[in-house]
C-alpha atoms as a PDB file:
ATOM      1  CA  MET A   1      14.822   3.657  15.366  1.00  0.00           C
ATOM      2  CA  ARG A   2      13.417   5.047  12.181  1.00  0.00           C
ATOM      3  CA  ILE A   3      10.743   3.453   9.633  1.00  0.00           C
ATOM      4  CA  GLY A   4      10.881   5.023   6.069  1.00  0.00           C
ATOM      5  CA  HIS A   5       8.664   4.197   3.219  1.00  0.00           C
ATOM      6  CA  GLY A   6       9.401   4.412  -0.695  1.00  0.00           C
ATOM      7  CA  TYR A   7       7.315   3.830  -3.612  1.00  0.00           C
ATOM      8  CA  ASP A   8       8.036   4.010  -7.346  1.00  0.00           C
ATOM      9  CA  ALA A   9       6.635   3.329 -10.593  1.00  0.00           C
ATOM     10  CA  HIS A  10       7.703   2.982 -14.184  1.00  0.00           C
ATOM     11  CA  ARG A  11       5.851   2.468 -17.461  1.00  0.00           C
ATOM     12  CA  LEU A  12       6.770  -1.089 -19.620  1.00  0.00           C
ATOM     13  CA  ALA A  13       8.365  -0.666 -22.971  1.00  0.00           C
ATOM     14  CA  ALA A  14       9.063  -3.155 -25.441  1.00  0.00           C
ATOM     15  CA  GLY A  15      13.087  -3.504 -25.407  1.00  0.00           C
ATOM     16  CA  ARG A  16      13.999  -1.985 -22.319  1.00  0.00           C
ATOM     17  CA  ASP A  17      15.991  -4.699 -20.169  1.00  0.00           C
ATOM     18  CA  MET A  18      14.180  -5.704 -17.117  1.00  0.00           C
ATOM     19  CA  ILE A  19      16.146  -4.932 -14.205  1.00  0.00           C
ATOM     20  CA  LEU A  20      15.023  -5.367 -10.532  1.00  0.00           C
ATOM     21  CA  CYS A  21      16.903  -5.545  -7.599  1.00  0.00           C
ATOM     22  CA  GLY A  22      19.827  -5.623  -9.774  1.00  0.00           C
ATOM     23  CA  VAL A  23      19.006  -8.916 -11.266  1.00  0.00           C
ATOM     24  CA  LYS A  24      18.434  -9.001 -14.896  1.00  0.00           C
ATOM     25  CA  ILE A  25      15.047 -10.833 -15.858  1.00  0.00           C
ATOM     26  CA  PRO A  26      14.700 -12.366 -19.078  1.00  0.00           C
ATOM     27  CA  SER A  27      11.398 -10.553 -20.626  1.00  0.00           C
ATOM     28  CA  ASP A  28      10.197  -8.651 -24.004  1.00  0.00           C
ATOM     29  CA  PHE A  29      10.087  -5.684 -22.256  1.00  0.00           C
ATOM     30  CA  GLY A  30      11.374  -3.588 -19.177  1.00  0.00           C
ATOM     31  CA  PRO A  31      10.835  -0.474 -17.491  1.00  0.00           C
ATOM     32  CA  GLU A  32      11.200   2.977 -18.556  1.00  0.00           C
ATOM     33  CA  GLY A  33      13.555   5.580 -17.156  1.00  0.00           C
ATOM     34  CA  HIS A  34      16.453   7.629 -16.753  1.00  0.00           C
ATOM     35  CA  SER A  35      18.622   5.246 -15.100  1.00  0.00           C
ATOM     36  CA  ASP A  36      18.398   1.759 -15.464  1.00  0.00           C
ATOM     37  CA  ALA A  37      14.489   2.302 -14.091  1.00  0.00           C
ATOM     38  CA  ASP A  38      14.675  -0.416 -11.405  1.00  0.00           C
ATOM     39  CA  ALA A  39      11.470   0.187  -9.592  1.00  0.00           C
ATOM     40  CA  PRO A  40      12.194  -1.963  -6.429  1.00  0.00           C
ATOM     41  CA  LEU A  41      15.971  -0.183  -5.720  1.00  0.00           C
ATOM     42  CA  HIS A  42      14.591   3.285  -6.462  1.00  0.00           C
ATOM     43  CA  ALA A  43      11.581   2.539  -3.840  1.00  0.00           C
ATOM     44  CA  LEU A  44      14.425   0.990  -1.633  1.00  0.00           C
ATOM     45  CA  THR A  45      16.617   4.082  -1.770  1.00  0.00           C
ATOM     46  CA  ASP A  46      13.595   6.305  -1.418  1.00  0.00           C
ATOM     47  CA  ALA A  47      12.502   4.634   2.236  1.00  0.00           C
ATOM     48  CA  LEU A  48      16.258   4.783   3.316  1.00  0.00           C
ATOM     49  CA  LEU A  49      16.504   8.665   2.576  1.00  0.00           C
ATOM     50  CA  GLY A  50      13.187   8.981   4.313  1.00  0.00           C
ATOM     51  CA  ALA A  51      13.813   6.999   7.367  1.00  0.00           C
ATOM     52  CA  ALA A  52      16.815   9.237   7.948  1.00  0.00           C
ATOM     53  CA  ALA A  53      14.749  12.235   6.804  1.00  0.00           C
ATOM     54  CA  LEU A  54      17.165  13.358   4.080  1.00  0.00           C
ATOM     55  CA  GLY A  55      14.801  13.950   1.180  1.00  0.00           C
ATOM     56  CA  ASP A  56      13.891  12.049  -1.710  1.00  0.00           C
ATOM     57  CA  ILE A  57      15.682  10.323  -4.427  1.00  0.00           C
ATOM     58  CA  GLY A  58      14.631  12.979  -6.864  1.00  0.00           C
ATOM     59  CA  ARG A  59      16.747  15.464  -4.320  1.00  0.00           C
ATOM     60  CA  HIS A  60      19.971  13.302  -4.601  1.00  0.00           C
ATOM     61  CA  PHE A  61      19.980  11.777  -8.177  1.00  0.00           C
ATOM     62  CA  PRO A  62      17.711  13.714  -9.962  1.00  0.00           C
ATOM     63  CA  ASP A  63      16.589  12.842 -13.720  1.00  0.00           C
ATOM     64  CA  GLY A  64      18.039  15.673 -15.308  1.00  0.00           C
ATOM     65  CA  ASP A  65      21.245  14.947 -14.428  1.00  0.00           C
ATOM     66  CA  GLU A  66      23.425  13.073 -17.327  1.00  0.00           C
ATOM     67  CA  LYS A  67      25.763  11.505 -14.869  1.00  0.00           C
ATOM     68  CA  TRP A  68      22.894   9.072 -13.767  1.00  0.00           C
ATOM     69  CA  ARG A  69      21.585   8.509 -17.356  1.00  0.00           C
ATOM     70  CA  GLY A  70      21.404   4.603 -18.104  1.00  0.00           C
ATOM     71  CA  ALA A  71      23.011   4.175 -14.214  1.00  0.00           C
ATOM     72  CA  ASP A  72      22.931   1.116 -12.739  1.00  0.00           C
ATOM     73  CA  SER A  73      20.539   1.699  -9.698  1.00  0.00           C
ATOM     74  CA  ARG A  74      22.510  -0.368  -7.516  1.00  0.00           C
ATOM     75  CA  GLU A  75      25.098   2.557  -7.791  1.00  0.00           C
ATOM     76  CA  ILE A  76      22.487   4.728  -6.800  1.00  0.00           C
ATOM     77  CA  LEU A  77      21.370   2.693  -3.321  1.00  0.00           C
ATOM     78  CA  ALA A  78      24.700   2.368  -2.142  1.00  0.00           C
ATOM     79  CA  GLU A  79      25.722   6.009  -2.514  1.00  0.00           C
ATOM     80  CA  ALA A  80      22.014   7.098  -0.900  1.00  0.00           C
ATOM     81  CA  TYR A  81      22.847   4.528   2.044  1.00  0.00           C
ATOM     82  CA  GLY A  82      26.279   6.099   2.224  1.00  0.00           C
ATOM     83  CA  LYS A  83      24.559   9.041   2.938  1.00  0.00           C
ATOM     84  CA  VAL A  84      22.627   7.540   5.389  1.00  0.00           C
ATOM     85  CA  ARG A  85      25.361   5.941   7.345  1.00  0.00           C
ATOM     86  CA  ALA A  86      27.313   9.494   7.150  1.00  0.00           C
ATOM     87  CA  ALA A  87      24.164  11.172   9.129  1.00  0.00           C
ATOM     88  CA  GLY A  88      24.935   7.735  11.746  1.00  0.00           C
ATOM     89  CA  TYR A  89      22.379   5.376  11.060  1.00  0.00           C
ATOM     90  CA  GLU A  90      22.286   1.565   9.904  1.00  0.00           C
ATOM     91  CA  LEU A  91      20.144  -0.392   8.457  1.00  0.00           C
ATOM     92  CA  VAL A  92      18.201  -3.326  10.515  1.00  0.00           C
ATOM     93  CA  ASN A  93      15.722  -4.656   7.924  1.00  0.00           C
ATOM     94  CA  ALA A  94      14.301  -4.137   4.325  1.00  0.00           C
ATOM     95  CA  ASP A  95      11.171  -5.153   2.677  1.00  0.00           C
ATOM     96  CA  ILE A  96      10.285  -4.594  -0.681  1.00  0.00           C
ATOM     97  CA  THR A  97       7.032  -5.775  -2.964  1.00  0.00           C
ATOM     98  CA  ILE A  98       7.248  -5.684  -6.503  1.00  0.00           C
ATOM     99  CA  ILE A  99       4.020  -5.436  -8.069  1.00  0.00           C
ATOM    100  CA  LEU A 100       4.238  -7.013 -11.652  1.00  0.00           C
ATOM    101  CA  GLN A 101       1.940  -8.922 -13.828  1.00  0.00           C
ATOM    102  CA  THR A 102       4.546 -10.710 -15.632  1.00  0.00           C
ATOM    103  CA  PRO A 103       6.940 -12.126 -15.986  1.00  0.00           C
ATOM    104  CA  ARG A 104       6.756 -14.278 -12.862  1.00  0.00           C
ATOM    105  CA  LEU A 105       9.533 -13.385 -10.314  1.00  0.00           C
ATOM    106  CA  ALA A 106       9.761 -16.329  -7.638  1.00  0.00           C
ATOM    107  CA  GLU A 107      13.039 -17.933  -8.990  1.00  0.00           C
ATOM    108  CA  TYR A 108      14.879 -14.832  -8.979  1.00  0.00           C
ATOM    109  CA  ILE A 109      13.920 -13.915  -5.258  1.00  0.00           C
ATOM    110  CA  GLU A 110      17.605 -14.999  -3.945  1.00  0.00           C
ATOM    111  CA  PRO A 111      19.086 -13.595  -6.004  1.00  0.00           C
ATOM    112  CA  MET A 112      17.662 -10.096  -5.615  1.00  0.00           C
ATOM    113  CA  ARG A 113      17.921 -10.306  -1.810  1.00  0.00           C
ATOM    114  CA  GLN A 114      21.806 -11.238  -2.318  1.00  0.00           C
ATOM    115  CA  SER A 115      22.054  -8.398  -5.102  1.00  0.00           C
ATOM    116  CA  ILE A 116      20.583  -5.797  -2.668  1.00  0.00           C
ATOM    117  CA  ALA A 117      22.295  -6.966   0.355  1.00  0.00           C
ATOM    118  CA  ALA A 118      25.916  -6.886  -1.792  1.00  0.00           C
ATOM    119  CA  ALA A 119      24.864  -3.105  -2.548  1.00  0.00           C
ATOM    120  CA  LEU A 120      24.210  -2.137   1.041  1.00  0.00           C
ATOM    121  CA  GLY A 121      27.101  -4.465   2.544  1.00  0.00           C
ATOM    122  CA  CYS A 122      24.906  -6.336   4.624  1.00  0.00           C
ATOM    123  CA  ASP A 123      23.567  -9.406   5.410  1.00  0.00           C
ATOM    124  CA  ALA A 124      21.065 -11.200   2.857  1.00  0.00           C
ATOM    125  CA  GLY A 125      18.459 -11.878   6.310  1.00  0.00           C
ATOM    126  CA  GLN A 126      18.142  -8.335   6.412  1.00  0.00           C
ATOM    127  CA  ILE A 127      16.857  -7.854   3.212  1.00  0.00           C
ATOM    128  CA  SER A 128      12.979  -9.484   2.067  1.00  0.00           C
ATOM    129  CA  VAL A 129      11.742  -9.098  -1.286  1.00  0.00           C
ATOM    130  CA  LYS A 130       8.380 -10.297  -2.364  1.00  0.00           C
ATOM    131  CA  ALA A 131       6.694 -10.393  -5.813  1.00  0.00           C
ATOM    132  CA  THR A 132       2.565  -9.888  -6.640  1.00  0.00           C
ATOM    133  CA  THR A 133       0.208  -9.137  -8.964  1.00  0.00           C
ATOM    134  CA  GLU A 134      -2.877  -7.321  -8.943  1.00  0.00           C
ATOM    135  CA  GLU A 135      -4.879  -9.573 -10.324  1.00  0.00           C
ATOM    136  CA  ARG A 136      -5.055  -7.704 -14.062  1.00  0.00           C
ATOM    137  CA  MET A 137      -6.118  -4.861 -12.384  1.00  0.00           C
ATOM    138  CA  GLY A 138      -5.107  -1.256 -12.829  1.00  0.00           C
ATOM    139  CA  PHE A 139      -1.440  -0.071 -14.724  1.00  0.00           C
ATOM    140  CA  THR A 140       0.373  -2.922 -13.400  1.00  0.00           C
ATOM    141  CA  GLY A 141      -2.250  -5.680 -13.392  1.00  0.00           C
ATOM    142  CA  SER A 142      -2.488  -4.745 -17.567  1.00  0.00           C
ATOM    143  CA  GLY A 143       1.243  -4.925 -17.966  1.00  0.00           C
ATOM    144  CA  GLU A 144       1.346  -1.161 -18.596  1.00  0.00           C
ATOM    145  CA  GLY A 145       3.617  -0.857 -15.833  1.00  0.00           C
ATOM    146  CA  ILE A 146       5.604  -1.697 -12.690  1.00  0.00           C
ATOM    147  CA  ALA A 147       5.374  -0.998  -9.367  1.00  0.00           C
ATOM    148  CA  ALA A 148       7.462  -1.213  -6.123  1.00  0.00           C
ATOM    149  CA  HIS A 149       7.184  -0.757  -2.467  1.00  0.00           C
ATOM    150  CA  ALA A 150       9.762  -0.585   0.290  1.00  0.00           C
ATOM    151  CA  VAL A 151       9.950  -0.323   4.055  1.00  0.00           C
ATOM    152  CA  VAL A 152      12.894  -0.122   6.214  1.00  0.00           C
ATOM    153  CA  LEU A 153      14.136  -0.049   9.695  1.00  0.00           C
ATOM    154  CA  LEU A 154      16.952   2.059  10.662  1.00  0.00           C
ATOM    155  CA  ARG A 155      19.048   2.342  13.774  1.00  0.00           C
END
């Protein structure tokens, strides 16, 4: 059994799509980044790679590589999981926490779980997604950014 933790954060900007766990969320702003800036999926990718001791997302999918400009982070996640599987591991479960003041995400949690399960080829019962605010404290609470944590268990 192997445990991995991942973290990602992005600045929010007007006019960017808000894509979280592969699901487009109606919003006037979204995360900035080289790819689609899907912070929860980037955290999950790092957690998977870390659990298998394969490095991090920047090593495998550098933000200086034009191949990944505007990329759908589900593709990055699936490719990273392929590397994890090639190393002899499989996902037991994943737990993701999204930290964002607005918009509220409760109605999008189930589609997010389904999206991740489809990208990983696993059952949605293996995927947990939660959302929280920081009560208007810090960069997420002020609306300046988004953060996400992910923890995975591999066997």
